[in-house]
Amino acid sequence: MLEKNLYKLQMENGFRPLPVRNIRTITCQMLTALDKLRKLSIIPDGADLKLENIMTVNQQRFPFRVKLIDFGSSSIFSDVRFVKEPYIQSRFYRAPEILLGLPFCEKLDMWSLGCVMAELYLGWPLYPGVNELEVRYICETQGLPHSHLLNMATKTNLFFQLAKDQHCALAWELRPSVQGPNGEINERRKYIFSSLDQLCNINITKDNKTFCSQDEAAEITDRQHMVELIKRMLAFISHQRINPAASLRHSFITLTHLDSPDTQSYYDPSLQELQKALIQTPSTGHRMKKSDLKAEVVIHYGIHKLLYR
């Protein structure tokens, strides 16, 4: 009944990185869905938020208007739950608490959304792990989890082992990687980061001939705010992860960092795309002013205090 999912859309696009403004439009809608689900105490589809479960509605008429689908395995959560076999969440979007066997709450969907945002931007999964590589990739960008988490997790021994440190005290370390017959390691990542901040270094504007120099500067700023939000979604400890409501107030969503004369040519199409995806097209036939567009988006999300300080 819907057009196609985001994975198919990316595949048709040759898995090229998606412009930041398109990622914002998708993210804003997913945050709204997750915020509503949180109020209803629902975890969607066994917490399986991924590209395949985000459907475009009508890409030609309403670019990047999307819907979250597949609630066949959704469940009601209390505050905290415990992992049951088999794993929940699809592999590339699986939160650390699920991998390690820790108590979890609805914030595991925020981890998945952070992975979705990164994948749309990179054109490739951020953490395309299999077996122990899932945790290894996360640790390479965020460091080892605190020992108290590993001590209480039920699956720590699958990924970590105790070894003596330089002071001869026992400490957790990653187990050696599984290697091939010739000692090679099956590397599945397209980009290898030692920090999530390095996402800012992926520059898609160099291949975009429609960007002028001012637009490039605005896109760099926009990208930095996007990465800052992704980092808050991908906090290793779940209770430190940003929630949907707070994310909707983040500058990357509200566009407050772009509302200036110097960024006008970048800001306007970004706002208009967001508005077109979120709000039904007016039937009056008149051309809406920028202030009208902003007001509709702001009122729709109840965040007018941020844009009209």
Protein backbone atom coordinates (compact mmCIF):
# COMPACT_ATOMS: atom_id res chain seq x y z
CA MET A 1 0.00 0.00 0.00
CA LEU A 2 3.05 2.25 0.38
CA GLU A 3 5.63 2.99 -2.28
CA LYS A 4 8.97 1.51 -1.19
CA ASN A 5 11.16 1.24 1.88
CA LEU A 6 14.29 3.31 2.47
CA TYR A 7 16.60 0.38 1.81
CA LYS A 8 15.15 -0.04 -1.68
CA LEU A 9 15.33 3.71 -2.22
CA GLN A 10 19.01 3.67 -1.22
CA MET A 11 19.67 0.69 -3.45
CA GLU A 12 18.14 2.48 -6.43
CA ASN A 13 20.36 5.44 -5.54
CA GLY A 14 23.48 3.26 -5.74
CA PHE A 15 23.86 3.44 -1.95
CA ARG A 16 25.15 6.99 -2.27
CA PRO A 17 25.06 9.21 0.83
CA LEU A 18 21.81 11.06 1.35
CA PRO A 19 21.97 14.88 1.73
CA VAL A 20 21.74 16.08 5.32
CA ARG A 21 18.47 17.96 4.74
CA ASN A 22 16.81 14.72 3.55
CA ILE A 23 18.06 12.90 6.64
CA ARG A 24 16.53 15.60 8.83
CA THR A 25 13.15 15.22 7.13
CA ILE A 26 13.16 11.45 7.74
CA THR A 27 14.53 11.74 11.28
CA CYS A 28 11.94 14.30 12.34
CA GLN A 29 9.10 11.99 11.31
CA MET A 30 10.65 8.96 13.01
CA LEU A 31 11.17 10.93 16.22
CA THR A 32 7.53 11.98 16.15
CA ALA A 33 6.49 8.35 15.74
CA LEU A 34 8.78 7.15 18.55
CA ASP A 35 7.60 9.96 20.84
CA LYS A 36 3.99 8.90 20.29
CA LEU A 37 4.84 5.23 20.82
CA ARG A 38 6.68 6.10 24.02
CA LYS A 39 3.56 7.84 25.34
CA LEU A 40 1.60 4.70 24.47
CA SER A 41 4.26 2.46 26.12
CA ILE A 42 4.87 0.54 22.89
CA ILE A 43 8.11 -0.84 21.48
CA PRO A 44 7.55 -1.30 17.72
CA ASP A 45 8.05 -4.69 16.08
CA GLY A 46 10.23 -6.10 18.80
CA ALA A 47 12.28 -2.89 18.55
CA ASP A 48 13.16 -3.49 14.90
CA LEU A 49 13.63 0.02 13.58
CA LYS A 50 15.64 -0.21 10.34
CA LEU A 51 15.67 1.05 6.75
CA GLU A 52 13.39 -1.79 5.62
CA ASN A 53 10.69 -0.72 8.09
CA ILE A 54 10.62 2.93 7.04
CA MET A 55 8.41 3.37 3.98
CA THR A 56 8.15 6.31 1.61
CA VAL A 57 4.58 7.44 0.92
CA ASN A 58 4.89 9.17 -2.45
CA GLN A 59 8.45 10.18 -3.26
CA GLN A 60 7.52 12.20 -6.34
CA ARG A 61 4.79 14.29 -4.76
CA PHE A 62 5.99 14.38 -1.14
CA PRO A 63 9.77 13.79 -1.08
CA PHE A 64 10.83 11.82 1.98
CA ARG A 65 7.43 11.71 3.60
CA VAL A 66 7.73 8.39 5.43
CA LYS A 67 5.86 6.04 7.73
CA LEU A 68 7.10 3.54 10.29
CA ILE A 69 5.65 0.08 9.65
CA ASP A 70 5.59 -3.51 10.92
CA PHE A 71 4.03 -3.64 14.37
CA GLY A 72 3.34 -7.37 14.23
CA SER A 73 5.80 -8.07 17.04
CA SER A 74 5.37 -4.83 18.95
CA SER A 75 5.10 -5.06 22.71
CA ILE A 76 4.12 -3.07 25.78
CA PHE A 77 7.04 -2.13 28.01
CA SER A 78 7.16 -1.15 31.65
CA ASP A 79 10.30 0.78 32.61
CA VAL A 80 12.94 -1.92 32.26
CA ARG A 81 12.96 -5.34 30.64
CA PHE A 82 15.47 -8.11 30.20
CA VAL A 83 16.78 -9.71 27.05
CA LYS A 84 15.19 -12.99 26.06
CA GLU A 85 16.50 -15.30 23.37
CA PRO A 86 16.62 -14.96 20.47
CA TYR A 87 18.12 -11.53 19.93
CA ILE A 88 15.72 -8.69 19.25
CA GLN A 89 16.57 -5.91 16.79
CA SER A 90 18.20 -6.46 13.40
CA ARG A 91 21.94 -6.94 13.54
CA PHE A 92 23.22 -3.61 12.20
CA TYR A 93 20.87 -1.63 14.46
CA ARG A 94 21.23 -3.65 17.66
CA ALA A 95 21.83 -1.67 20.84
CA PRO A 96 24.72 -2.59 23.20
CA GLU A 97 22.35 -3.59 25.99
CA ILE A 98 20.84 -6.24 23.72
CA LEU A 99 24.24 -7.49 22.55
CA LEU A 100 25.61 -7.75 26.08
CA GLY A 101 22.49 -9.05 27.81
CA LEU A 102 21.68 -6.04 29.97
CA PRO A 103 18.30 -4.72 31.11
CA PHE A 104 16.76 -2.55 28.41
CA CYS A 105 14.03 0.02 27.96
CA GLU A 106 12.41 1.81 25.03
CA LYS A 107 15.60 3.81 24.39
CA LEU A 108 17.00 0.94 22.35
CA ASP A 109 14.94 2.39 19.48
CA MET A 110 16.90 5.64 19.76
CA TRP A 111 20.10 3.64 19.21
CA SER A 112 18.55 2.09 16.10
CA LEU A 113 17.50 5.50 14.79
CA GLY A 114 21.02 6.84 15.31
CA CYS A 115 22.33 3.92 13.24
CA VAL A 116 19.72 4.63 10.55
CA MET A 117 20.77 8.29 10.35
CA ALA A 118 24.45 7.35 10.05
CA GLU A 119 23.67 4.75 7.37
CA LEU A 120 21.68 7.20 5.29
CA TYR A 121 24.58 9.65 5.50
CA LEU A 122 27.33 7.12 4.76
CA GLY A 123 25.41 5.03 2.25
CA TRP A 124 26.56 2.02 4.28
CA PRO A 125 25.85 0.67 7.79
CA LEU A 126 27.88 2.28 10.55
CA TYR A 127 28.23 -1.00 12.47
CA PRO A 128 27.84 -3.86 9.93
CA GLY A 129 28.96 -6.49 12.40
CA VAL A 130 28.48 -10.20 12.59
CA ASN A 131 29.08 -12.18 15.78
CA GLU A 132 31.76 -10.49 17.92
CA LEU A 133 32.34 -7.76 15.34
CA GLU A 134 29.10 -6.07 16.40
CA VAL A 135 30.58 -5.09 19.76
CA ARG A 136 34.12 -4.59 18.41
CA TYR A 137 33.02 -1.91 15.94
CA ILE A 138 31.12 -0.06 18.66
CA CYS A 139 34.10 -0.18 21.03
CA GLU A 140 36.44 1.13 18.35
CA THR A 141 34.41 4.33 18.05
CA GLN A 142 33.28 4.72 21.67
CA GLY A 143 35.82 2.87 23.80
CA LEU A 144 35.29 -0.13 26.07
CA PRO A 145 32.14 -0.10 28.21
CA HIS A 146 32.64 0.53 31.90
CA SER A 147 33.65 -2.54 33.88
CA HIS A 148 30.52 -2.39 36.06
CA LEU A 149 28.38 -2.90 32.93
CA LEU A 150 30.46 -5.84 31.79
CA ASN A 151 30.36 -7.37 35.27
CA MET A 152 26.55 -7.40 35.30
CA ALA A 153 25.94 -8.30 31.64
CA THR A 154 24.98 -11.92 30.91
CA LYS A 155 26.80 -12.14 27.54
CA THR A 156 30.07 -10.40 28.37
CA ASN A 157 32.13 -13.54 27.88
CA LEU A 158 31.05 -13.80 24.25
CA PHE A 159 32.94 -10.62 23.41
CA PHE A 160 35.36 -9.88 26.26
CA GLN A 161 37.88 -11.71 28.39
CA LEU A 162 39.63 -10.94 31.65
CA ALA A 163 43.35 -10.23 31.44
CA LYS A 164 45.96 -8.65 33.68
CA ASP A 165 46.65 -4.98 33.04
CA GLN A 166 49.97 -3.16 33.54
CA HIS A 167 49.34 -3.13 37.28
CA CYS A 168 48.67 -6.90 37.30
CA ALA A 169 45.01 -6.30 38.08
CA LEU A 170 42.32 -8.15 36.17
CA ALA A 171 40.51 -6.03 33.59
CA TRP A 172 38.16 -6.70 30.71
CA GLU A 173 39.50 -6.59 27.15
CA LEU A 174 38.06 -7.54 23.78
CA ARG A 175 38.58 -11.11 22.69
CA PRO A 176 40.86 -11.56 19.65
CA SER A 177 39.03 -11.18 16.34
CA VAL A 178 37.99 -14.26 14.46
CA GLN A 179 40.47 -14.61 11.60
CA GLY A 180 40.41 -16.43 8.31
CA PRO A 181 42.73 -19.33 7.38
CA ASN A 182 45.47 -16.89 6.32
CA GLY A 183 45.11 -14.65 9.36
CA GLU A 184 42.90 -12.09 7.60
CA ILE A 185 39.99 -10.36 9.28
CA ASN A 186 36.75 -10.01 7.36
CA GLU A 187 36.31 -6.22 7.37
CA ARG A 188 32.71 -5.27 6.60
CA ARG A 189 32.87 -1.50 7.10
CA LYS A 190 33.09 1.01 4.28
CA TYR A 191 34.37 3.68 6.66
CA ILE A 192 36.48 2.99 9.73
CA PHE A 193 36.18 5.57 12.50
CA SER A 194 38.04 5.87 15.77
CA SER A 195 35.45 8.40 16.95
CA LEU A 196 31.90 9.32 15.96
CA ASP A 197 33.14 12.89 15.54
CA GLN A 198 34.87 11.71 12.36
CA LEU A 199 31.45 11.45 10.71
CA CYS A 200 31.82 15.20 10.20
CA ASN A 201 34.72 14.53 7.82
CA ILE A 202 32.55 12.77 5.26
CA ASN A 203 31.93 15.55 2.74
CA ILE A 204 29.12 14.95 0.27
CA THR A 205 29.05 18.54 -0.98
CA LYS A 206 32.16 18.01 -3.13
CA ASP A 207 30.07 15.88 -5.53
CA ASN A 208 27.04 18.18 -5.46
CA LYS A 209 27.33 20.75 -8.26
CA THR A 210 24.22 22.62 -7.06
CA PHE A 211 25.95 23.81 -3.88
CA CYS A 212 27.50 27.28 -3.90
CA SER A 213 30.25 28.22 -1.46
CA GLN A 214 27.71 29.61 1.04
CA ASP A 215 25.70 26.41 0.83
CA GLU A 216 28.83 24.35 1.50
CA ALA A 217 29.52 26.32 4.69
CA ALA A 218 25.91 25.90 5.80
CA GLU A 219 26.00 22.17 5.03
CA ILE A 220 29.14 21.77 7.15
CA THR A 221 27.40 23.45 10.08
CA ASP A 222 24.29 21.37 9.49
CA ARG A 223 26.36 18.20 9.35
CA GLN A 224 28.03 19.02 12.67
CA HIS A 225 24.67 19.44 14.39
CA MET A 226 23.46 16.18 12.84
CA VAL A 227 26.50 14.29 14.15
CA GLU A 228 26.02 15.80 17.59
CA LEU A 229 22.47 14.42 17.66
CA ILE A 230 23.65 11.01 16.39
CA LYS A 231 26.23 10.89 19.19
CA ARG A 232 23.52 11.54 21.77
CA MET A 233 21.40 8.76 20.29
CA LEU A 234 24.36 6.36 20.31
CA ALA A 235 25.30 6.82 23.95
CA PHE A 236 26.59 3.43 25.13
CA ILE A 237 24.68 3.61 28.43
CA SER A 238 20.96 3.61 27.60
CA HIS A 239 19.81 5.99 30.33
CA GLN A 240 22.24 8.61 28.97
CA ARG A 241 20.65 8.39 25.52
CA ILE A 242 18.54 11.31 24.34
CA ASN A 243 14.80 10.63 24.15
CA PRO A 244 12.47 11.42 21.21
CA ALA A 245 10.90 14.53 22.75
CA ALA A 246 14.28 16.09 23.53
CA SER A 247 15.53 15.14 20.06
CA LEU A 248 12.64 17.04 18.47
CA ARG A 249 13.90 20.13 20.31
CA HIS A 250 17.48 19.59 19.09
CA SER A 251 18.90 22.31 16.83
CA PHE A 252 19.36 19.84 13.97
CA ILE A 253 15.58 19.35 13.83
CA THR A 254 14.49 22.90 14.62
CA LEU A 255 16.99 24.47 12.15
CA THR A 256 17.84 27.24 14.61
CA HIS A 257 21.53 27.03 13.66
CA LEU A 258 20.68 27.92 10.05
CA ASP A 259 18.19 30.77 10.43
CA SER A 260 20.42 33.66 9.35
CA PRO A 261 20.91 35.72 6.17
CA ASP A 262 24.21 33.94 5.39
CA THR A 263 22.54 30.53 5.19
CA GLN A 264 19.29 31.57 3.52
CA SER A 265 19.80 29.68 0.23
CA TYR A 266 20.44 26.45 2.18
CA TYR A 267 17.89 27.07 4.92
CA ASP A 268 14.86 27.76 2.72
CA PRO A 269 14.78 24.48 0.73
CA SER A 270 15.57 22.54 3.92
CA LEU A 271 12.59 24.07 5.72
CA GLN A 272 10.31 23.71 2.71
CA GLU A 273 11.17 20.01 2.27
CA LEU A 274 10.50 19.39 5.95
CA GLN A 275 7.21 21.25 5.75
CA LYS A 276 6.07 19.42 2.64
CA ALA A 277 6.77 16.04 4.21
CA LEU A 278 5.03 16.86 7.48
CA ILE A 279 2.05 19.01 6.59
CA GLN A 280 -0.69 18.41 4.04
CA THR A 281 -0.44 20.78 1.08
CA PRO A 282 -2.84 23.74 1.54
CA SER A 283 -5.88 23.65 -0.72
CA THR A 284 -6.21 27.42 -1.01
CA GLY A 285 -3.76 27.55 -3.91
CA HIS A 286 -1.82 30.54 -2.59
CA ARG A 287 1.93 30.43 -2.28
CA MET A 288 2.87 30.18 1.36
CA LYS A 289 5.40 32.62 2.75
CA LYS A 290 8.49 31.41 4.58
CA SER A 291 7.04 32.67 7.87
CA ASP A 292 3.88 30.62 7.25
CA LEU A 293 5.90 27.50 6.53
CA LYS A 294 7.94 27.93 9.65
CA ALA A 295 4.86 28.57 11.77
CA GLU A 296 3.13 25.41 10.52
CA VAL A 297 6.15 23.23 11.22
CA VAL A 298 6.71 24.80 14.61
CA ILE A 299 3.09 24.57 15.71
CA HIS A 300 2.89 21.00 14.45
CA TYR A 301 5.67 19.96 16.82
CA GLY A 302 4.95 22.33 19.68
CA ILE A 303 8.47 23.75 19.57
CA HIS A 304 7.62 27.39 18.79
CA LYS A 305 9.50 28.62 21.86
CA LEU A 306 12.77 27.47 20.32
CA LEU A 307 12.29 29.22 16.98
CA TYR A 308 10.63 32.33 18.43
CA ARG A 309 12.87 33.03 21.37
